Protein backbone atom coordinates (compact mmCIF):
# COMPACT_ATOMS: atom_id res chain seq x y z
CA UNK A 1 36.46 9.15 25.73
CA UNK A 2 32.96 10.36 26.93
CA UNK A 3 33.83 9.58 30.44
CA UNK A 4 37.18 11.47 30.39
CA UNK A 5 35.50 14.52 29.03
CA UNK A 6 32.63 14.60 31.39
CA UNK A 7 34.77 13.95 34.37
CA UNK A 8 37.49 16.54 33.43
CA UNK A 9 34.86 19.26 32.84
CA UNK A 10 33.19 18.36 36.26
CA UNK A 11 36.37 18.69 37.81
CA UNK A 12 37.11 21.88 36.16
CA UNK A 13 33.58 23.14 37.11
CA UNK A 14 34.34 22.29 40.82
CA UNK A 15 37.70 23.82 40.83
CA UNK A 16 36.27 27.17 39.72
CA UNK A 17 33.64 27.03 42.52
CA UNK A 18 36.36 26.33 45.16
CA UNK A 19 35.32 22.78 45.34
CA UNK A 20 31.68 23.55 46.43
CA UNK A 21 28.64 22.54 44.56
CA UNK A 22 26.68 25.75 44.04
CA UNK A 23 22.97 25.76 45.16
CA UNK A 24 21.17 26.12 41.96
CA UNK A 25 19.39 23.83 39.60
CA UNK A 26 22.04 23.63 36.75
CA UNK A 27 24.81 22.59 39.32
CA UNK A 28 22.53 19.80 40.66
CA UNK A 29 21.43 18.68 37.08
CA UNK A 30 25.15 18.49 36.36
CA UNK A 31 25.94 16.22 39.23
CA UNK A 32 23.20 14.14 38.18
CA UNK A 33 24.39 13.89 34.58
CA UNK A 34 27.89 13.03 35.61
CA UNK A 35 26.60 10.31 37.65
CA UNK A 36 24.60 8.90 34.87
CA UNK A 37 27.41 8.99 32.56
CA UNK A 38 29.77 7.22 34.96
CA UNK A 39 26.89 4.58 35.25
CA UNK A 40 26.51 4.13 31.54
CA UNK A 41 30.15 3.65 31.10
CA UNK A 42 30.46 1.22 33.90
CA UNK A 43 27.57 -0.93 32.51
CA UNK A 44 29.21 -0.82 29.18
CA UNK A 45 32.44 -2.07 30.68
CA UNK A 46 30.81 -4.73 32.49
CA UNK A 47 28.69 -5.62 29.43
CA UNK A 48 31.94 -6.07 27.10
CA UNK A 49 33.75 -8.10 29.82
CA UNK A 50 30.75 -10.09 30.33
CA UNK A 51 31.40 -10.40 34.19
CA UNK A 52 27.70 -10.55 35.15
CA UNK A 53 26.13 -12.72 32.41
CA UNK A 54 22.86 -13.59 34.27
CA UNK A 55 22.07 -10.00 34.96
CA UNK A 56 20.43 -7.94 32.08
CA UNK A 57 23.00 -5.19 31.84
CA UNK A 58 22.38 -4.81 28.06
CA UNK A 59 19.13 -3.55 28.54
CA UNK A 60 20.08 -1.23 31.46
CA UNK A 61 22.87 0.10 29.51
CA UNK A 62 20.84 0.54 26.31
CA UNK A 63 17.96 2.52 28.16
CA UNK A 64 20.13 4.82 29.98
CA UNK A 65 22.14 5.37 26.84
CA UNK A 66 18.97 6.27 24.88
CA UNK A 67 17.76 8.43 27.90
CA UNK A 68 20.95 10.51 27.80
CA UNK A 69 20.69 11.01 24.17
CA UNK A 70 17.01 12.24 24.60
CA UNK A 71 18.04 14.64 27.45
CA UNK A 72 21.07 16.13 25.13
């Protein structure tokens, strides 16, 4: 659900700016946060499906999740 909300709001923001990323810090931070949310969700899916058992996806997912909580 978090991924759907984040992507839909990012698409609406880009649509309002004629599909261009403005050159101010708020827009750049927003792009970084969208990428981080996508990364967290993908690592969560990989962790749940246990695709890569030898990689420490759990710790990567956990650290990025807590980092987003601290930023928020």
